[in-house]
Protein backbone atom coordinates (compact mmCIF):
# COMPACT_ATOMS: atom_id res chain seq x y z
CA MET A 1 -48.54 159.10 -120.34
CA ILE A 2 -48.15 156.61 -123.23
CA ARG A 3 -50.46 153.72 -123.18
CA VAL A 4 -49.50 150.51 -125.32
CA LYS A 5 -52.34 148.05 -125.73
CA ILE A 6 -50.98 144.36 -125.07
CA ARG A 7 -52.97 142.97 -127.79
CA HIS A 8 -51.14 145.43 -130.38
CA TYR A 9 -47.74 144.36 -128.80
CA ILE A 10 -48.50 140.65 -129.28
CA ILE A 11 -49.76 140.85 -132.69
CA LEU A 12 -46.85 143.20 -133.84
CA SER A 13 -44.17 140.54 -132.40
CA LEU A 14 -45.82 137.50 -134.05
CA ILE A 15 -45.68 139.33 -137.33
CA LEU A 16 -41.74 139.92 -136.34
CA VAL A 17 -41.26 136.22 -135.67
CA VAL A 18 -43.30 135.05 -138.71
CA ALA A 19 -41.46 137.42 -140.85
CA VAL A 20 -38.08 136.21 -139.50
CA SER A 21 -39.26 132.37 -139.99
CA CYS A 22 -40.10 132.75 -143.58
CA SER A 23 -37.10 134.69 -144.45
CA HIS A 24 -35.13 131.76 -142.84
CA MET A 25 -37.13 129.26 -144.51
CA ASP A 26 -36.00 130.97 -147.84
CA TYR A 27 -32.29 131.04 -147.44
CA ARG A 28 -32.33 127.42 -146.82
CA THR A 29 -33.70 126.54 -150.02
CA LYS A 30 -30.60 127.74 -151.71
CA THR A 31 -26.95 126.38 -151.91
CA VAL A 32 -25.59 125.17 -148.74
CA GLY A 33 -22.64 128.37 -147.71
CA ALA A 34 -19.80 126.09 -146.64
CA PHE A 35 -18.52 122.67 -145.41
CA LYS A 36 -15.24 123.49 -143.32
CA ASP A 37 -12.58 121.12 -142.15
CA THR A 38 -13.15 118.21 -143.88
CA GLY A 39 -10.65 115.44 -144.27
CA ALA A 40 -9.35 114.91 -147.81
CA GLY A 41 -7.97 112.48 -150.25
CA LYS A 42 -6.16 113.86 -153.37
CA GLY A 43 -5.29 112.58 -156.62
CA PHE A 44 -1.30 113.18 -157.38
CA VAL A 45 -0.16 115.82 -159.73
CA ILE A 46 2.73 115.71 -162.23
CA LEU A 47 5.12 118.59 -161.40
CA SER A 48 7.41 118.11 -164.24
CA LYS A 49 7.95 121.18 -166.46
CA SER A 50 8.49 119.05 -169.67
CA GLN A 51 5.09 118.44 -171.54
CA LEU A 52 6.79 115.75 -173.30
CA GLU A 53 7.34 113.85 -170.05
CA GLN A 54 3.69 114.68 -168.85
CA ASN A 55 2.36 113.08 -171.87
CA ALA A 56 4.24 110.14 -171.77
CA LEU A 57 3.03 109.06 -168.48
CA LYS A 58 -0.39 107.49 -168.51
CA LEU A 59 -2.69 106.76 -165.71
CA ASP A 60 -4.46 103.40 -166.70
CA LYS A 61 -6.12 102.74 -163.65
CA LEU A 62 -6.61 104.20 -160.06
CA GLY A 63 -8.09 102.34 -157.03
CA VAL A 64 -9.04 104.42 -153.78
CA TYR A 65 -10.01 102.40 -150.67
CA VAL A 66 -11.08 104.57 -147.66
CA ARG A 67 -12.02 103.16 -144.19
CA LEU A 68 -14.22 105.86 -142.21
CA TYR A 69 -13.99 105.78 -138.30
CA ARG A 70 -15.38 108.41 -136.13
CA GLY A 71 -13.13 111.27 -136.35
CA TYR A 72 -10.62 110.39 -138.78
CA ALA A 73 -10.16 108.03 -142.20
CA VAL A 74 -7.53 106.03 -143.52
CA VAL A 75 -6.95 105.91 -147.10
CA LYS A 76 -5.25 103.63 -149.61
CA GLU A 77 -4.52 104.45 -153.18
CA ASP A 78 -3.31 102.10 -156.03
CA TYR A 79 -1.88 103.93 -159.22
CA THR A 80 -1.40 101.81 -162.11
CA ILE A 81 0.89 104.23 -164.55
CA ASN A 82 2.13 103.31 -167.90
CA ASN A 83 5.61 104.82 -169.04
CA THR A 84 4.96 104.95 -172.89
CA THR A 85 8.58 105.54 -173.91
CA GLN A 86 11.60 103.22 -174.14
CA HIS A 87 13.29 105.39 -171.68
CA THR A 88 13.38 105.85 -167.83
CA LEU A 89 11.71 109.13 -166.98
CA LYS A 90 12.79 111.23 -163.73
CA ILE A 91 9.80 113.04 -162.47
CA LYS A 92 8.72 115.32 -160.09
CA MET A 93 5.28 114.47 -158.62
CA GLY A 94 3.41 115.95 -155.68
CA ILE A 95 0.15 116.70 -153.76
CA PRO A 96 -1.76 119.88 -152.57
CA LEU A 97 -1.92 120.20 -148.84
CA ASN A 98 -5.07 122.37 -148.21
CA GLY A 99 -7.42 124.54 -149.83
CA TYR A 100 -10.96 124.74 -151.07
CA PHE A 101 -13.09 124.22 -153.98
CA HIS A 102 -16.84 124.93 -155.16
CA SER A 103 -19.53 122.31 -155.86
CA ASP A 104 -23.22 122.58 -157.00
CA VAL A 105 -24.63 121.94 -153.83
CA ILE A 106 -22.16 123.42 -151.26
CA ASP A 107 -20.84 126.85 -152.23
CA THR A 108 -17.68 126.08 -150.62
CA VAL A 109 -15.60 123.04 -149.33
CA PHE A 110 -12.51 123.78 -147.31
CA PHE A 111 -9.95 120.70 -146.69
CA ARG A 112 -7.41 119.73 -144.71
CA SER A 113 -3.99 118.06 -145.54
CA TRP A 114 -3.11 114.40 -145.19
CA SER A 115 -0.87 113.15 -141.99
CA HIS A 116 1.74 110.25 -142.07
CA PRO A 117 2.06 109.37 -145.68
CA GLU A 118 3.70 106.13 -146.84
CA LEU A 119 4.28 106.17 -150.70
CA SER A 120 5.90 103.25 -152.56
CA ILE A 121 6.62 102.76 -156.31
CA ASN A 122 6.97 99.07 -157.73
CA GLY A 123 7.37 97.90 -153.86
CA LYS A 124 10.27 100.66 -153.13
CA ARG A 125 9.73 102.87 -150.37
CA ILE A 126 9.63 107.04 -151.22
CA THR A 127 11.20 108.36 -148.10
CA GLN A 128 11.93 111.90 -149.23
CA ILE A 129 8.96 113.89 -149.13
CA GLN A 130 9.60 117.46 -148.99
CA LYS A 131 7.28 120.48 -148.20
CA GLN A 132 7.56 123.43 -150.62
CA ARG A 133 5.49 126.14 -152.45
CA ASN A 134 4.43 125.79 -155.71
CA HIS A 135 2.77 129.00 -157.50
CA SER A 136 3.18 127.89 -161.07
CA ILE A 137 0.85 124.93 -160.80
CA HIS A 138 -2.66 125.84 -161.75
CA ILE A 139 -5.52 123.16 -161.25
CA PRO A 140 -8.84 123.97 -162.51
CA LYS A 141 -11.92 124.21 -159.88
CA LEU A 142 -9.23 124.00 -157.11
CA ASN A 143 -8.00 126.96 -154.97
CA LEU A 144 -4.83 126.22 -152.84
CA ASN A 145 -3.98 127.86 -149.69
CA GLU A 146 -0.45 129.34 -149.90
CA GLN A 147 0.49 126.92 -152.59
CA GLN A 148 1.76 124.45 -150.42
CA TRP A 149 2.69 121.07 -151.32
CA ASP A 150 4.26 117.68 -150.69
CA THR A 151 6.40 116.74 -153.45
CA TRP A 152 8.85 113.83 -154.21
CA ASN A 153 10.97 112.81 -157.15
CA TYR A 154 10.94 109.23 -158.77
CA SER A 155 12.14 107.44 -162.07
CA PHE A 156 9.74 105.47 -163.79
CA PRO A 157 11.07 102.85 -165.85
CA PRO A 158 9.55 101.72 -169.11
CA ASP A 159 6.01 99.87 -169.14
CA THR A 160 3.77 99.96 -166.01
CA SER A 161 4.56 101.01 -162.52
CA HIS A 162 2.51 100.55 -159.41
CA LEU A 163 2.38 103.79 -157.05
CA ILE A 164 0.84 102.73 -153.54
CA THR A 165 -0.09 105.16 -150.96
CA HIS A 166 -1.19 105.02 -147.27
CA TYR A 167 -2.24 108.20 -145.27
CA ILE A 168 -4.43 109.03 -142.37
CA VAL A 169 -6.78 112.24 -142.34
CA ASP A 170 -8.58 114.31 -139.69
CA THR A 171 -12.30 114.23 -140.12
CA HIS A 172 -13.14 115.34 -136.69
CA GLY A 173 -15.09 118.53 -136.03
CA ALA A 174 -16.10 119.25 -139.64
CA HIS A 175 -18.68 121.65 -139.90
CA ILE A 176 -21.31 122.77 -142.14
CA ARG A 177 -22.72 126.31 -142.40
CA ASP A 178 -25.72 127.64 -143.93
CA GLY A 179 -26.81 131.46 -142.81
CA PHE A 180 -27.11 131.20 -139.23
CA ASP A 181 -27.55 127.47 -138.87
CA ILE A 182 -24.34 125.29 -138.15
CA GLU A 183 -23.96 121.66 -137.57
CA TYR A 184 -20.82 119.69 -136.66
CA SER A 185 -20.18 115.94 -137.61
CA ASP A 186 -17.31 114.43 -139.61
CA GLY A 187 -16.59 115.11 -143.19
CA PHE A 188 -14.48 113.72 -145.74
CA THR A 189 -13.94 114.69 -149.33
CA TYR A 190 -11.87 112.93 -152.26
CA LEU A 191 -10.41 115.45 -154.78
CA PHE A 192 -10.46 114.35 -158.31
CA SER A 193 -9.32 117.76 -159.61
CA PRO A 194 -5.81 117.05 -159.60
CA LEU A 195 -6.26 114.14 -162.06
CA GLN A 196 -6.70 116.84 -164.81
CA GLN A 197 -2.85 117.23 -165.12
CA TRP A 198 -3.02 113.47 -166.33
CA ASN A 199 -4.35 112.06 -169.63
CA LYS A 200 -7.25 113.08 -171.32
CA ARG A 201 -9.22 109.54 -170.51
CA ILE A 202 -8.53 107.54 -167.72
CA PRO A 203 -9.64 103.72 -168.55
CA GLN A 204 -10.80 102.84 -164.85
CA ILE A 205 -11.37 104.44 -161.47
CA ARG A 206 -12.96 102.78 -158.52
CA ILE A 207 -13.33 104.36 -155.06
CA LEU A 208 -14.87 102.16 -152.28
CA PHE A 209 -15.82 103.66 -148.72
CA LYS A 210 -15.96 101.25 -146.06
CA VAL A 211 -17.88 102.25 -142.80
CA VAL A 212 -16.16 100.67 -139.63
CA LYS A 213 -19.26 99.81 -137.96
CA THR A 214 -17.54 99.56 -134.49
CA SER A 215 -17.07 103.25 -134.88
CA VAL A 216 -19.72 104.72 -136.96
CA ARG A 217 -23.28 103.86 -137.25
CA MET A 218 -25.05 103.75 -140.64
CA LYS A 219 -27.88 106.20 -139.44
CA TRP A 220 -25.32 108.72 -139.20
CA ILE A 221 -24.54 108.75 -142.81
CA ASP A 222 -26.12 112.20 -144.04
CA GLY A 223 -25.16 111.67 -147.89
CA ILE A 224 -22.51 111.62 -150.49
CA LEU A 225 -22.06 113.96 -153.38
CA PRO A 226 -22.40 113.68 -156.32
CA ALA A 227 -25.62 111.96 -155.38
CA GLY A 228 -26.98 108.65 -156.82
CA ARG A 229 -23.48 107.58 -157.95
CA PHE A 230 -22.55 105.39 -155.16
CA LYS A 231 -23.88 101.55 -154.58
CA LEU A 232 -24.46 100.23 -151.09
CA LYS A 233 -24.31 96.80 -149.76
CA ASP A 234 -24.05 96.67 -146.00
CA HIS A 235 -21.44 98.91 -144.74
CA THR A 236 -19.60 99.50 -148.21
CA PHE A 237 -20.22 102.41 -150.55
CA ILE A 238 -18.81 101.47 -154.09
CA TYR A 239 -18.62 104.05 -157.23
CA ASP A 240 -17.14 102.40 -160.49
CA MET A 241 -15.95 104.75 -163.40
CA LYS A 242 -14.62 103.62 -166.90
CA ASP A 243 -13.21 105.84 -169.54
CA VAL A 244 -13.21 109.02 -167.51
CA ASN A 245 -12.72 112.41 -168.69
CA PRO A 246 -10.93 113.72 -165.67
CA ASP A 247 -12.17 117.20 -166.44
CA THR A 248 -15.80 116.25 -165.81
CA LEU A 249 -15.31 114.25 -162.35
CA SER A 250 -17.00 115.86 -159.52
CA ASN A 251 -15.13 115.86 -156.29
CA ILE A 252 -16.63 113.59 -153.73
CA ILE A 253 -18.06 114.77 -150.48
CA PHE A 254 -18.85 112.35 -147.80
CA ARG A 255 -20.69 113.64 -144.47
CA TYR A 256 -21.41 111.43 -141.67
CA GLY A 257 -20.75 111.02 -138.01
CA LYS A 258 -23.40 112.13 -135.12
CA PRO A 259 -24.46 115.54 -135.86
CA SER A 260 -24.39 118.16 -133.24
CA MET A 261 -25.03 122.22 -133.19
CA TYR A 262 -22.19 122.58 -131.07
CA ALA A 263 -18.45 122.04 -131.50
CA PRO A 264 -17.41 118.46 -130.13
CA THR A 265 -16.12 118.25 -126.41
CA ASP A 266 -15.69 114.58 -126.63
CA GLY A 267 -11.84 114.67 -125.83
CA PHE A 268 -10.96 113.26 -129.42
CA SER A 269 -7.37 113.78 -130.33
CA PHE A 270 -6.26 112.96 -133.87
CA SER A 271 -2.63 113.47 -132.83
CA THR A 272 -2.84 110.55 -130.67
CA VAL A 273 -4.79 108.29 -133.41
CA ALA A 274 -2.23 109.28 -135.95
CA SER A 275 0.68 108.60 -133.76
CA ASP A 276 0.58 104.85 -134.52
CA THR A 277 -0.35 104.08 -138.03
CA VAL A 278 0.82 100.60 -138.39
CA ASP A 279 -2.07 98.78 -137.48
CA TYR A 280 -4.44 100.87 -139.50
CA TYR A 281 -2.26 100.43 -142.77
CA HIS A 282 -1.95 96.80 -142.20
CA GLN A 283 -5.66 96.37 -141.87
CA ILE A 284 -6.28 98.13 -144.99
CA ASN A 285 -4.07 96.33 -146.89
CA GLN A 286 -6.27 93.00 -146.26
CA SER A 287 -8.58 93.58 -148.70
CA ASN A 288 -8.38 94.17 -152.47
CA ILE A 289 -11.11 96.63 -153.78
CA TRP A 290 -10.91 95.27 -157.37
CA SER A 291 -11.96 91.72 -156.30
CA VAL A 292 -15.27 93.14 -154.71
CA ASP A 293 -18.25 91.68 -156.57
CA THR A 294 -21.02 94.57 -156.76
CA THR A 295 -23.80 92.16 -157.20
CA GLY A 296 -26.53 92.96 -154.87
CA TYR A 297 -25.55 96.58 -154.41
CA LYS A 298 -28.12 99.13 -154.56
CA THR A 299 -27.84 103.00 -155.68
CA PHE A 300 -27.44 104.99 -152.78
CA ASN A 301 -29.55 108.49 -153.23
CA ARG A 302 -29.22 110.13 -149.65
CA ALA A 303 -27.56 113.90 -150.02
CA GLU A 304 -28.49 115.72 -146.91
CA PHE A 305 -26.06 118.50 -146.48
CA LYS A 306 -28.00 121.20 -145.03
CA PRO A 307 -27.49 121.67 -141.23
CA ALA A 308 -30.60 121.28 -139.14
CA PRO A 309 -32.66 124.28 -138.37
CA MET A 310 -31.58 126.25 -135.54
CA GLY A 311 -35.01 126.34 -133.87
CA PHE A 312 -36.46 128.68 -131.62
CA PHE A 313 -35.95 126.35 -128.60
CA SER A 314 -32.05 126.43 -129.18
CA VAL A 315 -30.19 128.97 -127.05
CA SER A 316 -29.61 130.89 -130.29
CA GLY A 317 -33.21 130.67 -131.15
CA LEU A 318 -34.55 131.81 -127.65
CA VAL A 319 -31.97 134.78 -127.76
CA ILE A 320 -33.29 135.70 -131.33
CA VAL A 321 -37.18 135.41 -129.74
CA PHE A 322 -36.31 137.87 -127.02
CA LEU A 323 -34.67 140.27 -129.35
CA LEU A 324 -37.70 140.28 -131.47
CA LEU A 325 -40.03 140.88 -128.49
CA GLY A 326 -37.73 143.62 -127.33
CA LEU A 327 -37.97 145.31 -130.90
CA GLY A 328 -41.63 144.78 -131.07
CA PHE A 329 -41.88 146.58 -127.43
CA VAL A 330 -39.71 149.51 -128.73
CA LEU A 331 -41.78 150.09 -131.54
CA LEU A 332 -45.09 149.99 -130.14
CA ILE A 333 -43.57 152.38 -127.76
CA ALA A 334 -42.50 154.85 -130.55
CA TRP A 335 -45.99 154.18 -132.20
CA GLY A 336 -47.84 155.09 -129.05
CA ALA A 337 -45.86 157.96 -128.78
CA TYR A 338 -46.45 159.34 -132.31
CA SER A 339 -50.13 158.41 -132.01
CA GLN A 340 -50.49 160.75 -128.56
CA TYR A 341 -48.17 163.45 -130.54
CA LYS A 342 -50.79 163.28 -133.31
CA ASN A 343 -53.83 163.64 -131.32
CA SER A 344 -52.63 166.39 -128.72
């Protein structure tokens, strides 16, 4: 009969547990694997095939205002666009709906499309927004799923025009994955990549995040990328850029919300929220982000984008422990059988 000493079994099992824990610690020091289902704001792209027309339109200033709620975000953009010719230019513009990109901290970030967009140029509402696939546009550092776009046409008169946009995005259930670890919260990204289709230098960009304190607690803010660029005061984050080369801009990633190891089951319905955007758009119009004085703002450095360790006391962790113990038991039986055979 094969006899296995209990102490040998315990020692071998502990060695297996420690080995797996060490490997677990090792992979968590590397780049985070993926951040999925983030809501996204995106810069617009000129889809005109004429290089002359593309060069004639200059983006002089861009202001982005984002109000963050638990489960969703409301976005307002203000583009100051200059037609440098003496002629009216009929331009086709568009925005990519969904896809993914890579960053230095997170290997792959997947983003969702916008919802209920409202666009106006010089106070005139754009009502005809068409969905189409366009495989001819290549945006560096951005991968588009099925090349799906929302597009529209507009005639830009000479001199300056103002393009104003409002839309809402779903940030609920965004989850970050790193090896076996996964954590759900809320995620928002702003894609500067499309701005590479505009002029080589953009004189001024300001992006402002307002955390709605009745919906989101500040302790739930895990971080913003790129790290150390935003300044914070009260519930407002702000990032100012001047004379910007859009090719060097990093897409912004904002992780917030109450974290959980499990997919949310709180009954949140984005379609219900997005079905009535009138109040949200009215509220975001009450503030002018260019009038915000940054005196007293302090640099915000938090950038925690690794999910919490799974741990051996979670359900998945206990399963792994029992599997390790079972593996140790099998190995010890095999060891005992081999020793008995060798001594016979």
